[in-house]
Amino acid sequence: MTSLFEELCERIRGEVPELERAVDRALGAWAHAQQTPDEYAYLDSVALNLHAFYSGVERLFELIARHVDRTLPSGDTWHRDLLYQMAGDLPETRPALGPWKFWPYWGIWLSWIPALMIERRRALPKTRRV
């Protein structure tokens, strides 16, 4: 393993605890939100930590795209294109890094998005609903 890949592995290992913290905080806030539905701060905390988790995973995917794949998408759809790039298998370089393989909580996060949107809409005063 070259020094570049060792550094990349170390960087990824350093990011994982941050991702785990975001998951733990969001799970705790989600539990509180279920118990006290009138307390909007808990839903805000879940949303904030969901964003932190996704941003962290995206940061790791960018590092992998730049240093392993040697190509990083650009343009208006680069976020989506990066996910597609990571989901692809690059023979002799790296396996597919789809979210289902990369992080065991990914399915939980994806299932929360519609629920968060519905809860947030319910929480808004009727005059602010769109």
N, C-alpha and C. Protein backbone atom coordinates (compact mmCIF):
# COMPACT_ATOMS: atom_id res chain seq x y z
N MET A 1 0.85 -1.17 0.00
CA MET A 1 0.00 0.00 0.00
C MET A 1 0.90 1.23 0.00
N THR A 2 0.58 2.17 -0.88
CA THR A 2 1.40 3.36 -0.97
C THR A 2 1.07 4.34 0.15
N SER A 3 1.92 5.30 0.31
CA SER A 3 1.73 6.31 1.34
C SER A 3 0.43 7.09 1.13
N LEU A 4 0.10 7.39 -0.13
CA LEU A 4 -1.12 8.11 -0.43
C LEU A 4 -2.35 7.34 0.05
N PHE A 5 -2.37 6.05 -0.21
CA PHE A 5 -3.51 5.25 0.20
C PHE A 5 -3.54 5.07 1.72
N GLU A 6 -2.39 4.98 2.34
CA GLU A 6 -2.34 4.91 3.80
C GLU A 6 -2.92 6.18 4.42
N GLU A 7 -2.56 7.33 3.85
CA GLU A 7 -3.09 8.61 4.33
C GLU A 7 -4.60 8.68 4.13
N LEU A 8 -5.05 8.21 2.97
CA LEU A 8 -6.49 8.22 2.69
C LEU A 8 -7.23 7.32 3.68
N CYS A 9 -6.69 6.14 3.94
CA CYS A 9 -7.31 5.22 4.90
C CYS A 9 -7.36 5.84 6.29
N GLU A 10 -6.30 6.50 6.67
CA GLU A 10 -6.26 7.15 7.98
C GLU A 10 -7.30 8.28 8.06
N ARG A 11 -7.44 9.03 7.00
CA ARG A 11 -8.44 10.10 6.96
C ARG A 11 -9.85 9.53 7.08
N ILE A 12 -10.10 8.45 6.38
CA ILE A 12 -11.42 7.81 6.45
C ILE A 12 -11.68 7.30 7.86
N ARG A 13 -10.69 6.64 8.45
CA ARG A 13 -10.84 6.15 9.83
C ARG A 13 -11.11 7.31 10.80
N GLY A 14 -10.52 8.45 10.53
CA GLY A 14 -10.74 9.62 11.38
C GLY A 14 -12.14 10.20 11.24
N GLU A 15 -12.74 10.06 10.07
CA GLU A 15 -14.09 10.59 9.83
C GLU A 15 -15.19 9.71 10.40
N VAL A 16 -14.94 8.41 10.48
CA VAL A 16 -15.98 7.48 10.90
C VAL A 16 -16.55 7.80 12.28
N PRO A 17 -15.74 8.14 13.28
CA PRO A 17 -16.33 8.49 14.59
C PRO A 17 -17.27 9.70 14.51
N GLU A 18 -16.97 10.65 13.63
CA GLU A 18 -17.86 11.80 13.46
C GLU A 18 -19.20 11.36 12.87
N LEU A 19 -19.15 10.44 11.93
CA LEU A 19 -20.39 9.92 11.35
C LEU A 19 -21.19 9.16 12.40
N GLU A 20 -20.50 8.37 13.21
CA GLU A 20 -21.18 7.63 14.27
C GLU A 20 -21.81 8.58 15.29
N ARG A 21 -21.12 9.67 15.61
CA ARG A 21 -21.70 10.65 16.53
C ARG A 21 -22.96 11.28 15.97
N ALA A 22 -22.94 11.60 14.69
CA ALA A 22 -24.13 12.17 14.04
C ALA A 22 -25.29 11.19 14.10
N VAL A 23 -25.01 9.91 13.87
CA VAL A 23 -26.06 8.89 13.93
C VAL A 23 -26.62 8.79 15.35
N ASP A 24 -25.73 8.72 16.33
CA ASP A 24 -26.17 8.60 17.73
C ASP A 24 -27.01 9.80 18.16
N ARG A 25 -26.58 10.99 17.79
CA ARG A 25 -27.33 12.20 18.15
C ARG A 25 -28.70 12.22 17.49
N ALA A 26 -28.73 11.85 16.22
CA ALA A 26 -30.01 11.85 15.51
C ALA A 26 -30.96 10.80 16.08
N LEU A 27 -30.44 9.62 16.40
CA LEU A 27 -31.29 8.58 16.98
C LEU A 27 -31.85 9.03 18.33
N GLY A 28 -31.02 9.68 19.14
CA GLY A 28 -31.49 10.19 20.42
C GLY A 28 -32.53 11.27 20.25
N ALA A 29 -32.29 12.20 19.33
CA ALA A 29 -33.25 13.28 19.09
C ALA A 29 -34.55 12.72 18.52
N TRP A 30 -34.45 11.71 17.66
CA TRP A 30 -35.65 11.10 17.07
C TRP A 30 -36.50 10.46 18.17
N ALA A 31 -35.85 9.78 19.11
CA ALA A 31 -36.59 9.17 20.23
C ALA A 31 -37.31 10.25 21.04
N HIS A 32 -36.63 11.36 21.32
CA HIS A 32 -37.27 12.46 22.05
C HIS A 32 -38.41 13.08 21.24
N ALA A 33 -38.23 13.21 19.94
CA ALA A 33 -39.27 13.78 19.08
C ALA A 33 -40.53 12.91 19.10
N GLN A 34 -40.35 11.60 19.17
CA GLN A 34 -41.50 10.70 19.23
C GLN A 34 -42.26 10.84 20.55
N GLN A 35 -41.52 11.14 21.62
CA GLN A 35 -42.14 11.26 22.94
C GLN A 35 -42.77 12.63 23.17
N THR A 36 -42.17 13.67 22.59
CA THR A 36 -42.67 15.04 22.77
C THR A 36 -42.84 15.69 21.41
N PRO A 37 -43.91 15.35 20.68
CA PRO A 37 -44.08 15.83 19.31
C PRO A 37 -44.23 17.35 19.19
N ASP A 38 -44.57 18.03 20.28
CA ASP A 38 -44.72 19.49 20.21
C ASP A 38 -43.39 20.22 20.33
N GLU A 39 -42.33 19.52 20.64
CA GLU A 39 -41.01 20.12 20.82
C GLU A 39 -40.25 20.04 19.50
N TYR A 40 -40.28 21.11 18.72
CA TYR A 40 -39.72 21.11 17.37
C TYR A 40 -38.20 21.04 17.35
N ALA A 41 -37.55 21.42 18.42
CA ALA A 41 -36.09 21.41 18.46
C ALA A 41 -35.54 20.00 18.23
N TYR A 42 -36.25 18.98 18.65
CA TYR A 42 -35.78 17.62 18.44
C TYR A 42 -35.77 17.27 16.95
N LEU A 43 -36.82 17.67 16.24
CA LEU A 43 -36.83 17.42 14.79
C LEU A 43 -35.74 18.21 14.09
N ASP A 44 -35.52 19.43 14.56
CA ASP A 44 -34.42 20.22 13.99
C ASP A 44 -33.09 19.53 14.22
N SER A 45 -32.91 18.95 15.39
CA SER A 45 -31.67 18.24 15.70
C SER A 45 -31.50 17.02 14.80
N VAL A 46 -32.58 16.29 14.56
CA VAL A 46 -32.51 15.13 13.66
C VAL A 46 -32.10 15.60 12.27
N ALA A 47 -32.73 16.66 11.79
CA ALA A 47 -32.41 17.17 10.45
C ALA A 47 -30.96 17.64 10.37
N LEU A 48 -30.50 18.34 11.38
CA LEU A 48 -29.12 18.83 11.41
C LEU A 48 -28.13 17.66 11.38
N ASN A 49 -28.40 16.65 12.17
CA ASN A 49 -27.49 15.51 12.21
C ASN A 49 -27.59 14.64 10.96
N LEU A 50 -28.75 14.59 10.36
CA LEU A 50 -28.90 13.91 9.07
C LEU A 50 -28.02 14.61 8.04
N HIS A 51 -28.05 15.92 8.04
CA HIS A 51 -27.22 16.69 7.12
C HIS A 51 -25.73 16.46 7.41
N ALA A 52 -25.36 16.43 8.68
CA ALA A 52 -23.96 16.19 9.05
C ALA A 52 -23.50 14.81 8.57
N PHE A 53 -24.36 13.83 8.74
CA PHE A 53 -24.03 12.47 8.29
C PHE A 53 -23.83 12.44 6.77
N TYR A 54 -24.81 12.97 6.06
CA TYR A 54 -24.71 12.95 4.59
C TYR A 54 -23.48 13.71 4.12
N SER A 55 -23.24 14.88 4.70
CA SER A 55 -22.07 15.68 4.31
C SER A 55 -20.77 14.93 4.58
N GLY A 56 -20.72 14.21 5.69
CA GLY A 56 -19.53 13.43 6.00
C GLY A 56 -19.30 12.31 5.02
N VAL A 57 -20.36 11.61 4.66
CA VAL A 57 -20.24 10.52 3.67
C VAL A 57 -19.83 11.11 2.33
N GLU A 58 -20.43 12.22 1.97
CA GLU A 58 -20.08 12.86 0.70
C GLU A 58 -18.61 13.30 0.68
N ARG A 59 -18.13 13.80 1.80
CA ARG A 59 -16.72 14.20 1.92
C ARG A 59 -15.80 12.99 1.67
N LEU A 60 -16.16 11.86 2.26
CA LEU A 60 -15.37 10.64 2.06
C LEU A 60 -15.43 10.18 0.60
N PHE A 61 -16.61 10.26 0.00
CA PHE A 61 -16.74 9.88 -1.40
C PHE A 61 -15.90 10.80 -2.29
N GLU A 62 -15.86 12.09 -1.96
CA GLU A 62 -15.02 13.01 -2.73
C GLU A 62 -13.55 12.63 -2.65
N LEU A 63 -13.10 12.30 -1.45
CA LEU A 63 -11.71 11.89 -1.27
C LEU A 63 -11.39 10.65 -2.11
N ILE A 64 -12.29 9.69 -2.07
CA ILE A 64 -12.09 8.45 -2.82
C ILE A 64 -12.11 8.73 -4.33
N ALA A 65 -13.05 9.56 -4.76
CA ALA A 65 -13.13 9.90 -6.18
C ALA A 65 -11.85 10.59 -6.64
N ARG A 66 -11.37 11.52 -5.83
CA ARG A 66 -10.18 12.30 -6.21
C ARG A 66 -8.91 11.45 -6.19
N HIS A 67 -8.73 10.66 -5.14
CA HIS A 67 -7.45 9.98 -4.95
C HIS A 67 -7.40 8.54 -5.45
N VAL A 68 -8.54 7.88 -5.53
CA VAL A 68 -8.56 6.49 -6.00
C VAL A 68 -9.03 6.43 -7.45
N ASP A 69 -10.22 7.01 -7.71
CA ASP A 69 -10.77 6.99 -9.08
C ASP A 69 -10.02 7.96 -10.00
N ARG A 70 -9.44 8.98 -9.40
CA ARG A 70 -8.73 10.03 -10.14
C ARG A 70 -9.65 10.85 -11.02
N THR A 71 -10.93 10.92 -10.65
CA THR A 71 -11.88 11.76 -11.37
C THR A 71 -12.99 12.16 -10.42
N LEU A 72 -13.30 13.44 -10.42
CA LEU A 72 -14.34 13.98 -9.55
C LEU A 72 -15.38 14.65 -10.43
N PRO A 73 -16.66 14.29 -10.31
CA PRO A 73 -17.68 14.91 -11.15
C PRO A 73 -17.75 16.42 -10.92
N SER A 74 -18.24 17.12 -11.92
CA SER A 74 -18.43 18.56 -11.79
C SER A 74 -19.76 18.93 -12.45
N GLY A 75 -20.11 20.18 -12.36
CA GLY A 75 -21.35 20.64 -12.97
C GLY A 75 -22.49 20.66 -11.98
N ASP A 76 -23.67 20.98 -12.48
CA ASP A 76 -24.85 21.16 -11.64
C ASP A 76 -25.29 19.89 -10.93
N THR A 77 -24.98 18.75 -11.48
CA THR A 77 -25.45 17.48 -10.90
C THR A 77 -24.32 16.68 -10.26
N TRP A 78 -23.26 17.35 -9.84
CA TRP A 78 -22.08 16.64 -9.35
C TRP A 78 -22.38 15.79 -8.12
N HIS A 79 -23.30 16.25 -7.25
CA HIS A 79 -23.61 15.47 -6.05
C HIS A 79 -24.21 14.11 -6.44
N ARG A 80 -25.19 14.15 -7.31
CA ARG A 80 -25.82 12.92 -7.76
C ARG A 80 -24.82 12.05 -8.54
N ASP A 81 -24.06 12.70 -9.41
CA ASP A 81 -23.08 11.96 -10.21
C ASP A 81 -22.03 11.28 -9.33
N LEU A 82 -21.67 11.93 -8.23
CA LEU A 82 -20.71 11.33 -7.30
C LEU A 82 -21.28 10.06 -6.69
N LEU A 83 -22.56 10.09 -6.31
CA LEU A 83 -23.19 8.88 -5.77
C LEU A 83 -23.20 7.75 -6.79
N TYR A 84 -23.54 8.08 -8.03
CA TYR A 84 -23.52 7.07 -9.09
C TYR A 84 -22.10 6.53 -9.31
N GLN A 85 -21.13 7.42 -9.27
CA GLN A 85 -19.74 7.00 -9.45
C GLN A 85 -19.32 6.03 -8.34
N MET A 86 -19.67 6.35 -7.11
CA MET A 86 -19.28 5.50 -5.99
C MET A 86 -20.04 4.17 -6.01
N ALA A 87 -21.22 4.16 -6.58
CA ALA A 87 -22.01 2.92 -6.65
C ALA A 87 -21.45 1.96 -7.68
N GLY A 88 -20.61 2.46 -8.57
CA GLY A 88 -20.04 1.61 -9.61
C GLY A 88 -18.79 0.89 -9.14
N ASP A 89 -18.64 -0.31 -9.64
CA ASP A 89 -17.46 -1.13 -9.35
C ASP A 89 -16.37 -0.78 -10.35
N LEU A 90 -15.17 -0.50 -9.84
CA LEU A 90 -14.03 -0.24 -10.73
C LEU A 90 -13.08 -1.42 -10.60
N PRO A 91 -13.17 -2.39 -11.52
CA PRO A 91 -12.32 -3.57 -11.43
C PRO A 91 -10.84 -3.18 -11.32
N GLU A 92 -10.14 -3.90 -10.48
CA GLU A 92 -8.71 -3.68 -10.27
C GLU A 92 -8.40 -2.38 -9.51
N THR A 93 -9.44 -1.61 -9.13
CA THR A 93 -9.21 -0.36 -8.41
C THR A 93 -9.91 -0.36 -7.07
N ARG A 94 -11.25 -0.49 -7.10
CA ARG A 94 -12.04 -0.52 -5.87
C ARG A 94 -13.39 -1.16 -6.14
N PRO A 95 -14.00 -1.70 -5.09
CA PRO A 95 -15.36 -2.25 -5.26
C PRO A 95 -16.38 -1.10 -5.26
N ALA A 96 -17.60 -1.43 -5.60
CA ALA A 96 -18.69 -0.46 -5.51
C ALA A 96 -18.84 -0.03 -4.05
N LEU A 97 -19.08 1.25 -3.87
CA LEU A 97 -19.25 1.78 -2.51
C LEU A 97 -20.65 2.34 -2.34
N GLY A 98 -21.63 1.60 -2.81
CA GLY A 98 -22.99 2.05 -2.62
C GLY A 98 -23.30 2.21 -1.15
N PRO A 99 -24.24 3.06 -0.82
CA PRO A 99 -24.53 3.34 0.59
C PRO A 99 -24.88 2.09 1.39
N TRP A 100 -25.49 1.11 0.76
CA TRP A 100 -25.85 -0.11 1.48
C TRP A 100 -24.62 -0.88 1.92
N LYS A 101 -23.51 -0.71 1.26
CA LYS A 101 -22.27 -1.37 1.65
C LYS A 101 -21.43 -0.49 2.56
N PHE A 102 -21.50 0.82 2.33
CA PHE A 102 -20.61 1.74 3.00
C PHE A 102 -20.98 1.99 4.45
N TRP A 103 -22.27 2.04 4.74
CA TRP A 103 -22.68 2.41 6.08
C TRP A 103 -23.96 1.68 6.45
N PRO A 104 -23.98 0.94 7.55
CA PRO A 104 -25.15 0.13 7.88
C PRO A 104 -26.40 0.96 8.20
N TYR A 105 -26.23 2.23 8.58
CA TYR A 105 -27.39 3.04 8.95
C TYR A 105 -28.03 3.76 7.77
N TRP A 106 -27.47 3.61 6.58
CA TRP A 106 -27.96 4.38 5.44
C TRP A 106 -29.45 4.18 5.22
N GLY A 107 -29.90 2.93 5.30
CA GLY A 107 -31.33 2.66 5.10
C GLY A 107 -32.21 3.37 6.12
N ILE A 108 -31.73 3.47 7.35
CA ILE A 108 -32.48 4.19 8.38
C ILE A 108 -32.60 5.65 7.99
N TRP A 109 -31.49 6.25 7.58
CA TRP A 109 -31.53 7.67 7.20
C TRP A 109 -32.49 7.89 6.06
N LEU A 110 -32.41 7.06 5.03
CA LEU A 110 -33.28 7.26 3.88
C LEU A 110 -34.75 7.10 4.26
N SER A 111 -35.05 6.20 5.17
CA SER A 111 -36.44 6.01 5.57
C SER A 111 -36.95 7.18 6.41
N TRP A 112 -36.04 7.91 7.05
CA TRP A 112 -36.46 9.05 7.87
C TRP A 112 -36.83 10.28 7.07
N ILE A 113 -36.29 10.43 5.89
CA ILE A 113 -36.49 11.67 5.13
C ILE A 113 -37.97 11.98 4.93
N PRO A 114 -38.78 11.06 4.41
CA PRO A 114 -40.21 11.40 4.25
C PRO A 114 -40.88 11.70 5.59
N ALA A 115 -40.54 10.93 6.62
CA ALA A 115 -41.16 11.16 7.93
C ALA A 115 -40.78 12.54 8.47
N LEU A 116 -39.54 12.93 8.31
CA LEU A 116 -39.11 14.26 8.77
C LEU A 116 -39.84 15.36 8.02
N MET A 117 -40.00 15.18 6.73
CA MET A 117 -40.69 16.20 5.93
C MET A 117 -42.14 16.34 6.38
N ILE A 118 -42.79 15.22 6.64
CA ILE A 118 -44.19 15.25 7.09
C ILE A 118 -44.29 15.89 8.46
N GLU A 119 -43.43 15.47 9.39
CA GLU A 119 -43.45 16.03 10.74
C GLU A 119 -43.16 17.52 10.72
N ARG A 120 -42.19 17.92 9.92
CA ARG A 120 -41.83 19.34 9.86
C ARG A 120 -43.00 20.15 9.32
N ARG A 121 -43.68 19.62 8.32
CA ARG A 121 -44.84 20.33 7.75
C ARG A 121 -45.94 20.46 8.79
N ARG A 122 -46.18 19.42 9.55
CA ARG A 122 -47.20 19.48 10.61
C ARG A 122 -46.83 20.51 11.67
N ALA A 123 -45.53 20.65 11.92
CA ALA A 123 -45.06 21.54 12.98
C ALA A 123 -45.19 23.01 12.60
N LEU A 124 -45.21 23.31 11.31
CA LEU A 124 -45.28 24.71 10.90
C LEU A 124 -46.67 25.28 11.15
N PRO A 125 -46.74 26.56 11.55
CA PRO A 125 -48.06 27.19 11.66
C PRO A 125 -48.74 27.16 10.30
N LYS A 126 -50.06 27.08 10.29
CA LYS A 126 -50.80 26.96 9.03
C LYS A 126 -50.48 28.09 8.06
N THR A 127 -50.16 29.27 8.56
CA THR A 127 -49.86 30.40 7.69
C THR A 127 -48.52 30.23 6.98
N ARG A 128 -47.62 29.40 7.48
CA ARG A 128 -46.30 29.20 6.88
C ARG A 128 -46.23 28.00 5.97
N ARG A 129 -47.27 27.20 5.94
CA ARG A 129 -47.24 25.99 5.10
C ARG A 129 -47.26 26.36 3.64
N VAL A 130 -46.53 25.58 2.88
CA VAL A 130 -46.50 25.79 1.43
C VAL A 130 -46.98 24.56 0.71
